[in-house]
Amino acid sequence: MGADAALKGLRAARLWPVARNDKGAYELGAEIPLPGAVSLAIRPKRAERELIIDDEAAERSLEYIYDELTLTLGGLAPDVEAALRGETRELALGYECLTNAGTYRSYRYLAVRLVSVEAAFGKNPGGAVRLDYRLVFRAGARKRDGAAVLVE
């Protein structure tokens, strides 16, 4: 996906607390459904690296740093909001979205940190005002094997 990629046909957004993420194991807790997913924007953060040999640039490459994920929800249950506002553990973020072939594919970011929870007013397709929640995550990798995203 390119910079600031927005997904179409977003559904089945959910979180899992990461119970264990180390070299020996990766374990998830109970699933937390996030109904009312409106959009998910993915902003890849990369750094340009330059290899200099004999005062000349021999090679340039982009190094992965992290992905910033902004999930917009059309509402959030009060108990889930309260739990997320104090969340400091690693989480896994899953969702489904449409492929170019018109079928749904499932994705799971294996280790994300919640950066912020913001509330803002949005509009339904019919024009009615609703309270949207924007959850901003920073994605990392699973320690066992360095994987960041599972595609199913």
C-alpha atoms as a PDB file:
ATOM      1  CA  MET A   1       0.000   0.000   0.000  1.00  0.00           C
ATOM      2  CA  GLY A   2       1.227   3.478  -0.768  1.00  0.00           C
ATOM      3  CA  ALA A   3       1.602   6.430   1.541  1.00  0.00           C
ATOM      4  CA  ASP A   4      -1.643   7.439   3.241  1.00  0.00           C
ATOM      5  CA  ALA A   5      -3.442   4.365   1.873  1.00  0.00           C
ATOM      6  CA  ALA A   6      -7.161   4.261   2.662  1.00  0.00           C
ATOM      7  CA  LEU A   7      -8.909   0.923   2.645  1.00  0.00           C
ATOM      8  CA  LYS A   8     -12.248   0.197   0.982  1.00  0.00           C
ATOM      9  CA  GLY A   9     -14.938  -2.081   2.343  1.00  0.00           C
ATOM     10  CA  LEU A  10     -13.543  -2.031   5.869  1.00  0.00           C
ATOM     11  CA  ARG A  11     -15.253  -4.403   8.308  1.00  0.00           C
ATOM     12  CA  ALA A  12     -14.636  -6.663  11.306  1.00  0.00           C
ATOM     13  CA  ALA A  13     -12.221  -4.352  13.123  1.00  0.00           C
ATOM     14  CA  ARG A  14     -11.025  -5.865  16.393  1.00  0.00           C
ATOM     15  CA  LEU A  15      -8.251  -5.779  18.965  1.00  0.00           C
ATOM     16  CA  TRP A  16      -6.544  -8.396  21.093  1.00  0.00           C
ATOM     17  CA  PRO A  17      -4.297  -7.695  24.074  1.00  0.00           C
ATOM     18  CA  VAL A  18      -0.892  -9.284  23.471  1.00  0.00           C
ATOM     19  CA  ALA A  19      -0.334 -11.563  26.456  1.00  0.00           C
ATOM     20  CA  ARG A  20       3.183 -12.583  25.421  1.00  0.00           C
ATOM     21  CA  ASN A  21       5.546 -11.324  22.729  1.00  0.00           C
ATOM     22  CA  ASP A  22       9.092 -12.563  23.150  1.00  0.00           C
ATOM     23  CA  LYS A  23      11.597 -14.763  21.325  1.00  0.00           C
ATOM     24  CA  GLY A  24       9.925 -17.914  22.679  1.00  0.00           C
ATOM     25  CA  ALA A  25       6.231 -17.272  22.149  1.00  0.00           C
ATOM     26  CA  TYR A  26       3.479 -14.988  20.882  1.00  0.00           C
ATOM     27  CA  GLU A  27       0.098 -15.229  22.630  1.00  0.00           C
ATOM     28  CA  LEU A  28      -3.081 -13.177  22.415  1.00  0.00           C
ATOM     29  CA  GLY A  29      -5.814 -12.510  24.971  1.00  0.00           C
ATOM     30  CA  ALA A  30      -9.563 -12.323  24.368  1.00  0.00           C
ATOM     31  CA  GLU A  31     -10.794 -10.531  21.238  1.00  0.00           C
ATOM     32  CA  ILE A  32     -12.285  -7.034  21.660  1.00  0.00           C
ATOM     33  CA  PRO A  33     -14.684  -6.280  18.754  1.00  0.00           C
ATOM     34  CA  LEU A  34     -14.732  -2.701  17.425  1.00  0.00           C
ATOM     35  CA  PRO A  35     -18.087  -2.342  15.647  1.00  0.00           C
ATOM     36  CA  GLY A  36     -18.819   0.678  13.488  1.00  0.00           C
ATOM     37  CA  ALA A  37     -15.472   0.885  11.657  1.00  0.00           C
ATOM     38  CA  VAL A  38     -15.676   3.785   9.192  1.00  0.00           C
ATOM     39  CA  SER A  39     -12.137   3.961   7.804  1.00  0.00           C
ATOM     40  CA  LEU A  40      -8.554   2.885   8.328  1.00  0.00           C
ATOM     41  CA  ALA A  41      -5.648   4.963   7.014  1.00  0.00           C
ATOM     42  CA  ILE A  42      -2.147   3.513   6.920  1.00  0.00           C
ATOM     43  CA  ARG A  43       0.836   5.869   6.818  1.00  0.00           C
ATOM     44  CA  PRO A  44       4.156   4.059   6.386  1.00  0.00           C
ATOM     45  CA  LYS A  45       7.126   5.754   8.057  1.00  0.00           C
ATOM     46  CA  ARG A  46      10.429   5.081   6.328  1.00  0.00           C
ATOM     47  CA  ALA A  47      13.910   6.534   6.563  1.00  0.00           C
ATOM     48  CA  GLU A  48      16.254   6.870   3.623  1.00  0.00           C
ATOM     49  CA  ARG A  49      19.625   5.217   4.150  1.00  0.00           C
ATOM     50  CA  GLU A  50      22.630   6.010   2.061  1.00  0.00           C
ATOM     51  CA  LEU A  51      25.762   3.866   1.879  1.00  0.00           C
ATOM     52  CA  ILE A  52      28.808   6.021   1.153  1.00  0.00           C
ATOM     53  CA  ILE A  53      31.941   4.412  -0.267  1.00  0.00           C
ATOM     54  CA  ASP A  54      34.986   6.530  -1.199  1.00  0.00           C
ATOM     55  CA  ASP A  55      32.988   9.761  -0.805  1.00  0.00           C
ATOM     56  CA  GLU A  56      30.310   8.607  -3.259  1.00  0.00           C
ATOM     57  CA  ALA A  57      26.782   7.368  -2.667  1.00  0.00           C
ATOM     58  CA  ALA A  58      27.021   3.692  -3.556  1.00  0.00           C
ATOM     59  CA  GLU A  59      23.533   2.667  -2.541  1.00  0.00           C
ATOM     60  CA  ARG A  60      20.296   4.258  -1.370  1.00  0.00           C
ATOM     61  CA  SER A  61      17.477   2.374   0.308  1.00  0.00           C
ATOM     62  CA  LEU A  62      14.377   2.954   2.389  1.00  0.00           C
ATOM     63  CA  GLU A  63      14.374   1.423   5.848  1.00  0.00           C
ATOM     64  CA  TYR A  64      11.089   0.451   7.513  1.00  0.00           C
ATOM     65  CA  ILE A  65      10.559   2.297  10.792  1.00  0.00           C
ATOM     66  CA  TYR A  66       6.855   1.726  11.550  1.00  0.00           C
ATOM     67  CA  ASP A  67       3.335   2.090  10.166  1.00  0.00           C
ATOM     68  CA  GLU A  68       0.979   4.630  11.682  1.00  0.00           C
ATOM     69  CA  LEU A  69      -2.609   3.372  11.598  1.00  0.00           C
ATOM     70  CA  THR A  70      -5.622   5.658  12.120  1.00  0.00           C
ATOM     71  CA  LEU A  71      -8.829   3.715  12.676  1.00  0.00           C
ATOM     72  CA  THR A  72     -12.025   5.791  12.643  1.00  0.00           C
ATOM     73  CA  LEU A  73     -15.043   4.303  14.402  1.00  0.00           C
ATOM     74  CA  GLY A  74     -18.616   5.624  14.251  1.00  0.00           C
ATOM     75  CA  GLY A  75     -19.042   5.299  18.012  1.00  0.00           C
ATOM     76  CA  LEU A  76     -17.265   3.422  20.770  1.00  0.00           C
ATOM     77  CA  ALA A  77     -18.788   1.591  23.735  1.00  0.00           C
ATOM     78  CA  PRO A  78     -18.036   3.495  26.976  1.00  0.00           C
ATOM     79  CA  ASP A  79     -16.366   0.500  28.639  1.00  0.00           C
ATOM     80  CA  VAL A  80     -14.107  -0.069  25.613  1.00  0.00           C
ATOM     81  CA  GLU A  81     -13.251   3.645  25.438  1.00  0.00           C
ATOM     82  CA  ALA A  82     -12.360   3.716  29.149  1.00  0.00           C
ATOM     83  CA  ALA A  83     -10.177   0.623  28.795  1.00  0.00           C
ATOM     84  CA  LEU A  84      -8.404   1.979  25.706  1.00  0.00           C
ATOM     85  CA  ARG A  85      -7.664   5.407  27.187  1.00  0.00           C
ATOM     86  CA  GLY A  86      -5.533   3.785  29.871  1.00  0.00           C
ATOM     87  CA  GLU A  87      -4.026   1.113  27.613  1.00  0.00           C
ATOM     88  CA  THR A  88      -0.246   0.770  27.694  1.00  0.00           C
ATOM     89  CA  ARG A  89       0.170  -2.876  26.666  1.00  0.00           C
ATOM     90  CA  GLU A  90       0.866  -4.142  23.193  1.00  0.00           C
ATOM     91  CA  LEU A  91      -2.204  -4.984  21.173  1.00  0.00           C
ATOM     92  CA  ALA A  92      -2.917  -6.812  17.929  1.00  0.00           C
ATOM     93  CA  LEU A  93      -5.220  -5.043  15.446  1.00  0.00           C
ATOM     94  CA  GLY A  94      -7.269  -7.052  12.955  1.00  0.00           C
ATOM     95  CA  TYR A  95      -9.622  -6.043  10.161  1.00  0.00           C
ATOM     96  CA  GLU A  96     -11.006  -7.145   6.824  1.00  0.00           C
ATOM     97  CA  CYS A  97     -11.178  -5.102   3.628  1.00  0.00           C
ATOM     98  CA  LEU A  98     -12.104  -5.559  -0.012  1.00  0.00           C
ATOM     99  CA  THR A  99      -9.532  -6.698  -2.548  1.00  0.00           C
ATOM    100  CA  ASN A 100      -9.500  -5.575  -6.175  1.00  0.00           C
ATOM    101  CA  ALA A 101     -11.232  -8.881  -7.018  1.00  0.00           C
ATOM    102  CA  GLY A 102     -14.201  -7.897  -4.815  1.00  0.00           C
ATOM    103  CA  THR A 103     -13.533 -10.480  -2.096  1.00  0.00           C
ATOM    104  CA  TYR A 104     -12.617  -9.772   1.530  1.00  0.00           C
ATOM    105  CA  ARG A 105      -9.150 -10.423   2.916  1.00  0.00           C
ATOM    106  CA  SER A 106      -8.226 -10.472   6.598  1.00  0.00           C
ATOM    107  CA  TYR A 107      -5.204  -8.581   7.975  1.00  0.00           C
ATOM    108  CA  ARG A 108      -3.711  -8.539  11.461  1.00  0.00           C
ATOM    109  CA  TYR A 109      -1.043  -6.168  12.738  1.00  0.00           C
ATOM    110  CA  LEU A 110       0.694  -8.311  15.341  1.00  0.00           C
ATOM    111  CA  ALA A 111       2.120  -5.679  17.703  1.00  0.00           C
ATOM    112  CA  VAL A 112       0.652  -2.174  17.872  1.00  0.00           C
ATOM    113  CA  ARG A 113       0.742   0.516  20.544  1.00  0.00           C
ATOM    114  CA  LEU A 114      -2.172   2.866  21.024  1.00  0.00           C
ATOM    115  CA  VAL A 115      -0.853   6.423  20.614  1.00  0.00           C
ATOM    116  CA  SER A 116      -4.111   8.361  21.045  1.00  0.00           C
ATOM    117  CA  VAL A 117      -7.895   8.190  21.260  1.00  0.00           C
ATOM    118  CA  GLU A 118      -9.649  11.272  19.858  1.00  0.00           C
ATOM    119  CA  ALA A 119     -13.337  12.097  19.576  1.00  0.00           C
ATOM    120  CA  ALA A 120     -14.631  14.292  16.724  1.00  0.00           C
ATOM    121  CA  PHE A 121     -17.953  14.898  15.024  1.00  0.00           C
ATOM    122  CA  GLY A 122     -18.551  13.224  11.662  1.00  0.00           C
ATOM    123  CA  LYS A 123     -21.525  12.710   9.342  1.00  0.00           C
ATOM    124  CA  ASN A 124     -23.448   9.630   8.315  1.00  0.00           C
ATOM    125  CA  PRO A 125     -24.110   9.127   4.571  1.00  0.00           C
ATOM    126  CA  GLY A 126     -27.597  10.610   5.118  1.00  0.00           C
ATOM    127  CA  GLY A 127     -26.090  13.763   6.639  1.00  0.00           C
ATOM    128  CA  ALA A 128     -26.892  13.074  10.317  1.00  0.00           C
ATOM    129  CA  VAL A 129     -24.148  14.084  12.739  1.00  0.00           C
ATOM    130  CA  ARG A 130     -22.402  11.332  14.721  1.00  0.00           C
ATOM    131  CA  LEU A 131     -19.531  11.180  17.205  1.00  0.00           C
ATOM    132  CA  ASP A 132     -16.514   9.500  15.590  1.00  0.00           C
ATOM    133  CA  TYR A 133     -13.550   8.113  17.470  1.00  0.00           C
ATOM    134  CA  ARG A 134     -10.093   8.076  15.932  1.00  0.00           C
ATOM    135  CA  LEU A 135      -7.726   5.486  17.357  1.00  0.00           C
ATOM    136  CA  VAL A 136      -4.122   6.103  16.319  1.00  0.00           C
ATOM    137  CA  PHE A 137      -1.711   3.165  16.559  1.00  0.00           C
ATOM    138  CA  ARG A 138       1.974   2.690  15.869  1.00  0.00           C
ATOM    139  CA  ALA A 139       2.769  -0.771  14.504  1.00  0.00           C
ATOM    140  CA  GLY A 140       5.860  -2.760  15.372  1.00  0.00           C
ATOM    141  CA  ALA A 141       6.842  -6.388  14.853  1.00  0.00           C
ATOM    142  CA  ARG A 142       6.442  -9.722  16.580  1.00  0.00           C
ATOM    143  CA  LYS A 143       9.664 -10.486  18.448  1.00  0.00           C
ATOM    144  CA  ARG A 144       9.654 -14.223  17.707  1.00  0.00           C
ATOM    145  CA  ASP A 145      10.195 -13.807  13.964  1.00  0.00           C
ATOM    146  CA  GLY A 146      10.086 -10.074  13.109  1.00  0.00           C
ATOM    147  CA  ALA A 147       6.714 -10.368  11.335  1.00  0.00           C
ATOM    148  CA  ALA A 148       4.570  -7.223  11.410  1.00  0.00           C
ATOM    149  CA  VAL A 149       1.389  -8.179   9.507  1.00  0.00           C
ATOM    150  CA  LEU A 150      -0.425 -11.453   8.856  1.00  0.00           C
ATOM    151  CA  VAL A 151      -2.557 -11.715   5.705  1.00  0.00           C
ATOM    152  CA  GLU A 152      -5.166 -14.465   5.633  1.00  0.00           C
END
